[in-house]
Structure formats: C-alpha cells, structure tokens
Amino acid sequence: EADLYIEQIFELTKDSYKQTIIVENTKGKLVPVNIAIHNYWSTPKDWIGTKINGIDISQKVMTEGRSKARKSNTIVFPDGRRIRLKLNDFAGIQCWTAFNKEKEFNHDFVCMEPIISLKEHYFSSKQSLLKEGKAIGVSKEISLL
C-alpha cells in the first residue's frame, strides 16, 4: 500500500488561468501515476478545422489521437477564438470528443487533454512508477490571444 499526497493549485489573474498538480508518494510501495487535465472547449461552430500550432487536429479528434506538445501552444478554433496553452512537464495533447454507438461525433465540444507521456500504455509502464519519497508535478496555463 502507498500513501499519496495530491495537491492542486489554481491561479486566476486578469489575463490567465493556471493549474498546477503535484503528486507525492509519501510512503509505501511503488505506485503508477498518470496525470492528465481535461480541457473541454465549447465549439459552437464545430471543432472541425481546429488547429494546434498551425496543424489541423480534426483527424486526431476523430481517432482520439495524440500530438506532441510545445511548452507554448497556440489553439485556433473555427469561430476565430485564439488560445495560448502553456504546458510544463507535459509531453503531448490528446484530442477527442464524445460519440455514440454509430460513431457519430458530438460537434458541440472538443477536449484537448495535456498528457505526461505519448506512450500508448504509459500507466502500466515502469516509467509511470513513483517511488517512495518522490514527487511529480505538472502545470498548464491558459490565456486568450
């Protein structure tokens, strides 16, 4: 058994919103840790044509695909909104939306989820194991452009 200390810090300023997550294994055995933050974006004019760093992510959304992320990412929605998404200690962004049994997609929102690894089965890998006394921390910051 392991004891985890988990802290979330939320910071809101006039120009941005920042979220920091820290997970520490305070005592016990190795424990797998995976951190992802679900950012849901309303898409009143559809998400098809949404771009991250100039690259259309429509196909990624339809396949729950992952993209390598930069520390500073520009998101442009079809309705013209522009967002800056700054990431610290995240490797990528997984893009998706809801769909039904017939694979008909919901076009009212899109999720762009910062993830700590691009590996398909990261959570069950050795890299995800957090040793006693060790901590992992990530953060994201969102601002309008």
C-alpha atoms as a PDB file:
ATOM      1  CA  GLU A   1       0.000   0.000   0.000  1.00  0.00           C
ATOM      2  CA  ALA A   2       1.145   3.544  -0.745  1.00  0.00           C
ATOM      3  CA  ASP A   3       0.179   6.931   0.649  1.00  0.00           C
ATOM      4  CA  LEU A   4      -0.119   9.687  -1.919  1.00  0.00           C
ATOM      5  CA  TYR A   5      -0.220  13.402  -1.230  1.00  0.00           C
ATOM      6  CA  ILE A   6      -2.001  15.206  -4.059  1.00  0.00           C
ATOM      7  CA  GLU A   7      -2.181  18.968  -4.325  1.00  0.00           C
ATOM      8  CA  GLN A   8      -3.899  21.144  -6.919  1.00  0.00           C
ATOM      9  CA  ILE A   9      -3.168  24.842  -7.097  1.00  0.00           C
ATOM     10  CA  PHE A  10      -5.426  27.154  -9.092  1.00  0.00           C
ATOM     11  CA  GLU A  11      -4.330  30.664 -10.013  1.00  0.00           C
ATOM     12  CA  LEU A  12      -6.588  33.151 -11.765  1.00  0.00           C
ATOM     13  CA  THR A  13      -5.298  36.504 -12.957  1.00  0.00           C
ATOM     14  CA  LYS A  14      -6.742  39.172 -15.207  1.00  0.00           C
ATOM     15  CA  ASP A  15      -5.008  37.580 -18.201  1.00  0.00           C
ATOM     16  CA  SER A  16      -4.703  33.856 -17.494  1.00  0.00           C
ATOM     17  CA  TYR A  17      -5.744  30.751 -15.625  1.00  0.00           C
ATOM     18  CA  LYS A  18      -3.081  28.369 -14.277  1.00  0.00           C
ATOM     19  CA  GLN A  19      -3.471  24.908 -12.775  1.00  0.00           C
ATOM     20  CA  THR A  20      -0.650  23.024 -11.069  1.00  0.00           C
ATOM     21  CA  ILE A  21      -0.885  19.404  -9.901  1.00  0.00           C
ATOM     22  CA  ILE A  22       1.644  17.750  -7.592  1.00  0.00           C
ATOM     23  CA  VAL A  23       1.563  14.062  -6.649  1.00  0.00           C
ATOM     24  CA  GLU A  24       3.951  12.754  -3.983  1.00  0.00           C
ATOM     25  CA  ASN A  25       4.416   9.165  -2.812  1.00  0.00           C
ATOM     26  CA  THR A  26       4.909   9.876   0.896  1.00  0.00           C
ATOM     27  CA  LYS A  27       5.384   6.248   1.940  1.00  0.00           C
ATOM     28  CA  GLY A  28       4.918   2.736   0.708  1.00  0.00           C
ATOM     29  CA  LYS A  29       5.478   0.719  -2.414  1.00  0.00           C
ATOM     30  CA  LEU A  30       5.958   1.894  -5.982  1.00  0.00           C
ATOM     31  CA  VAL A  31       2.712   3.237  -7.388  1.00  0.00           C
ATOM     32  CA  PRO A  32       1.782   4.056 -11.006  1.00  0.00           C
ATOM     33  CA  VAL A  33       0.913   7.714 -11.517  1.00  0.00           C
ATOM     34  CA  ASN A  34      -0.500   9.377 -14.597  1.00  0.00           C
ATOM     35  CA  ILE A  35      -1.642  12.996 -14.725  1.00  0.00           C
ATOM     36  CA  ALA A  36      -3.865  14.442 -17.424  1.00  0.00           C
ATOM     37  CA  ILE A  37      -6.023  17.570 -17.347  1.00  0.00           C
ATOM     38  CA  HIS A  38      -9.282  17.549 -19.297  1.00  0.00           C
ATOM     39  CA  ASN A  39      -9.782  20.902 -21.013  1.00  0.00           C
ATOM     40  CA  TYR A  40     -13.250  20.930 -22.582  1.00  0.00           C
ATOM     41  CA  TRP A  41     -13.833  23.661 -25.144  1.00  0.00           C
ATOM     42  CA  SER A  42     -17.248  24.685 -26.424  1.00  0.00           C
ATOM     43  CA  THR A  43     -17.272  24.653 -30.232  1.00  0.00           C
ATOM     44  CA  PRO A  44     -20.448  26.465 -31.355  1.00  0.00           C
ATOM     45  CA  LYS A  45     -19.194  26.491 -34.958  1.00  0.00           C
ATOM     46  CA  ASP A  46     -17.857  22.896 -34.806  1.00  0.00           C
ATOM     47  CA  TRP A  47     -14.356  21.634 -33.949  1.00  0.00           C
ATOM     48  CA  ILE A  48     -13.582  20.528 -37.497  1.00  0.00           C
ATOM     49  CA  GLY A  49     -10.756  22.797 -38.617  1.00  0.00           C
ATOM     50  CA  THR A  50      -9.431  23.477 -35.098  1.00  0.00           C
ATOM     51  CA  LYS A  51      -5.653  23.906 -35.198  1.00  0.00           C
ATOM     52  CA  ILE A  52      -2.881  23.474 -32.656  1.00  0.00           C
ATOM     53  CA  ASN A  53       0.334  25.254 -33.690  1.00  0.00           C
ATOM     54  CA  GLY A  54      -0.989  25.591 -37.229  1.00  0.00           C
ATOM     55  CA  ILE A  55      -1.833  21.879 -37.635  1.00  0.00           C
ATOM     56  CA  ASP A  56      -5.461  20.818 -38.169  1.00  0.00           C
ATOM     57  CA  ILE A  57      -6.393  18.341 -35.411  1.00  0.00           C
ATOM     58  CA  SER A  58      -9.750  17.175 -36.864  1.00  0.00           C
ATOM     59  CA  GLN A  59      -8.451  13.656 -37.632  1.00  0.00           C
ATOM     60  CA  LYS A  60      -6.849  13.420 -34.187  1.00  0.00           C
ATOM     61  CA  VAL A  61     -10.193  14.264 -32.555  1.00  0.00           C
ATOM     62  CA  MET A  62     -11.947  11.524 -34.542  1.00  0.00           C
ATOM     63  CA  THR A  63      -9.344   8.918 -33.565  1.00  0.00           C
ATOM     64  CA  GLU A  64      -8.595  10.117 -30.005  1.00  0.00           C
ATOM     65  CA  GLY A  65      -5.140  10.886 -31.329  1.00  0.00           C
ATOM     66  CA  ARG A  66      -2.157  12.351 -29.551  1.00  0.00           C
ATOM     67  CA  SER A  67       0.061  15.208 -30.647  1.00  0.00           C
ATOM     68  CA  LYS A  68       3.471  16.186 -29.373  1.00  0.00           C
ATOM     69  CA  ALA A  69       3.166  19.460 -27.485  1.00  0.00           C
ATOM     70  CA  ARG A  70       5.370  22.503 -27.196  1.00  0.00           C
ATOM     71  CA  LYS A  71       5.845  24.441 -23.988  1.00  0.00           C
ATOM     72  CA  SER A  72       3.730  27.183 -25.570  1.00  0.00           C
ATOM     73  CA  ASN A  73       0.913  26.128 -27.920  1.00  0.00           C
ATOM     74  CA  THR A  74      -1.471  28.231 -30.000  1.00  0.00           C
ATOM     75  CA  ILE A  75      -5.004  26.878 -30.465  1.00  0.00           C
ATOM     76  CA  VAL A  76      -7.244  28.419 -33.142  1.00  0.00           C
ATOM     77  CA  PHE A  77     -10.920  27.454 -33.309  1.00  0.00           C
ATOM     78  CA  PRO A  78     -13.062  27.719 -36.474  1.00  0.00           C
ATOM     79  CA  ASP A  79     -15.054  30.572 -34.871  1.00  0.00           C
ATOM     80  CA  GLY A  80     -11.851  32.656 -34.661  1.00  0.00           C
ATOM     81  CA  ARG A  81     -11.037  32.245 -30.953  1.00  0.00           C
ATOM     82  CA  ARG A  82      -7.315  32.040 -30.269  1.00  0.00           C
ATOM     83  CA  ILE A  83      -5.945  30.473 -27.099  1.00  0.00           C
ATOM     84  CA  ARG A  84      -2.407  30.171 -25.709  1.00  0.00           C
ATOM     85  CA  LEU A  85      -1.901  26.891 -23.848  1.00  0.00           C
ATOM     86  CA  LYS A  86       1.398  26.782 -21.943  1.00  0.00           C
ATOM     87  CA  LEU A  87       2.430  23.366 -20.658  1.00  0.00           C
ATOM     88  CA  ASN A  88       5.099  22.415 -18.123  1.00  0.00           C
ATOM     89  CA  ASP A  89       6.197  18.780 -17.913  1.00  0.00           C
ATOM     90  CA  PHE A  90       3.519  17.517 -20.302  1.00  0.00           C
ATOM     91  CA  ALA A  91       4.676  15.587 -23.385  1.00  0.00           C
ATOM     92  CA  GLY A  92       1.592  15.918 -25.525  1.00  0.00           C
ATOM     93  CA  ILE A  93      -2.065  16.649 -26.023  1.00  0.00           C
ATOM     94  CA  GLN A  94      -4.729  14.002 -26.576  1.00  0.00           C
ATOM     95  CA  CYS A  95      -7.668  15.267 -28.647  1.00  0.00           C
ATOM     96  CA  TRP A  96     -11.170  13.790 -28.540  1.00  0.00           C
ATOM     97  CA  THR A  97     -14.913  14.337 -28.307  1.00  0.00           C
ATOM     98  CA  ALA A  98     -17.915  12.188 -27.411  1.00  0.00           C
ATOM     99  CA  PHE A  99     -19.537   9.868 -29.946  1.00  0.00           C
ATOM    100  CA  ASN A 100     -22.368   7.344 -29.992  1.00  0.00           C
ATOM    101  CA  LYS A 101     -22.503   3.652 -30.988  1.00  0.00           C
ATOM    102  CA  GLU A 102     -22.772   4.620 -34.669  1.00  0.00           C
ATOM    103  CA  LYS A 103     -19.551   6.668 -34.289  1.00  0.00           C
ATOM    104  CA  GLU A 104     -21.438   9.926 -34.846  1.00  0.00           C
ATOM    105  CA  PHE A 105     -19.373  12.639 -33.179  1.00  0.00           C
ATOM    106  CA  ASN A 106     -20.577  15.372 -30.856  1.00  0.00           C
ATOM    107  CA  HIS A 107     -19.619  18.634 -32.544  1.00  0.00           C
ATOM    108  CA  ASP A 108     -20.558  20.908 -29.602  1.00  0.00           C
ATOM    109  CA  PHE A 109     -17.259  20.474 -27.745  1.00  0.00           C
ATOM    110  CA  VAL A 110     -13.728  19.184 -28.066  1.00  0.00           C
ATOM    111  CA  CYS A 111     -11.371  18.013 -25.335  1.00  0.00           C
ATOM    112  CA  MET A 112      -7.674  18.860 -25.590  1.00  0.00           C
ATOM    113  CA  GLU A 113      -6.107  16.918 -22.752  1.00  0.00           C
ATOM    114  CA  PRO A 114      -2.475  17.564 -21.796  1.00  0.00           C
ATOM    115  CA  ILE A 115      -0.805  14.199 -21.061  1.00  0.00           C
ATOM    116  CA  ILE A 116       2.547  13.372 -19.451  1.00  0.00           C
ATOM    117  CA  SER A 117       3.503  10.713 -21.984  1.00  0.00           C
ATOM    118  CA  LEU A 118       2.805   9.962 -25.630  1.00  0.00           C
ATOM    119  CA  LYS A 119       3.194   6.225 -24.957  1.00  0.00           C
ATOM    120  CA  GLU A 120       0.019   4.216 -25.574  1.00  0.00           C
ATOM    121  CA  HIS A 121       0.151   2.206 -22.325  1.00  0.00           C
ATOM    122  CA  TYR A 122       2.108   4.616 -20.141  1.00  0.00           C
ATOM    123  CA  PHE A 123       0.089   3.986 -16.961  1.00  0.00           C
ATOM    124  CA  SER A 124       1.097   0.306 -16.899  1.00  0.00           C
ATOM    125  CA  SER A 125       4.751   1.016 -17.748  1.00  0.00           C
ATOM    126  CA  LYS A 126       7.790   1.212 -15.461  1.00  0.00           C
ATOM    127  CA  GLN A 127       8.122   4.930 -16.325  1.00  0.00           C
ATOM    128  CA  SER A 128       4.835   5.650 -14.526  1.00  0.00           C
ATOM    129  CA  LEU A 129       6.013   4.181 -11.196  1.00  0.00           C
ATOM    130  CA  LEU A 130       6.544   6.755  -8.465  1.00  0.00           C
ATOM    131  CA  LYS A 131       8.995   5.730  -5.729  1.00  0.00           C
ATOM    132  CA  GLU A 132       8.545   6.454  -2.050  1.00  0.00           C
ATOM    133  CA  GLY A 133       9.671   9.993  -1.232  1.00  0.00           C
ATOM    134  CA  LYS A 134       9.434  11.125  -4.873  1.00  0.00           C
ATOM    135  CA  ALA A 135       7.008  13.595  -6.432  1.00  0.00           C
ATOM    136  CA  ILE A 136       5.850  14.559  -9.888  1.00  0.00           C
ATOM    137  CA  GLY A 137       4.393  17.929 -10.823  1.00  0.00           C
ATOM    138  CA  VAL A 138       2.828  19.448 -13.926  1.00  0.00           C
ATOM    139  CA  SER A 139       1.124  22.695 -14.823  1.00  0.00           C
ATOM    140  CA  LYS A 140      -0.863  24.331 -17.603  1.00  0.00           C
ATOM    141  CA  GLU A 141      -1.677  27.964 -18.200  1.00  0.00           C
ATOM    142  CA  ILE A 142      -4.434  29.236 -20.481  1.00  0.00           C
ATOM    143  CA  SER A 143      -4.733  32.755 -21.859  1.00  0.00           C
ATOM    144  CA  LEU A 144      -6.671  34.422 -24.650  1.00  0.00           C
ATOM    145  CA  LEU A 145      -4.813  35.833 -27.635  1.00  0.00           C
END
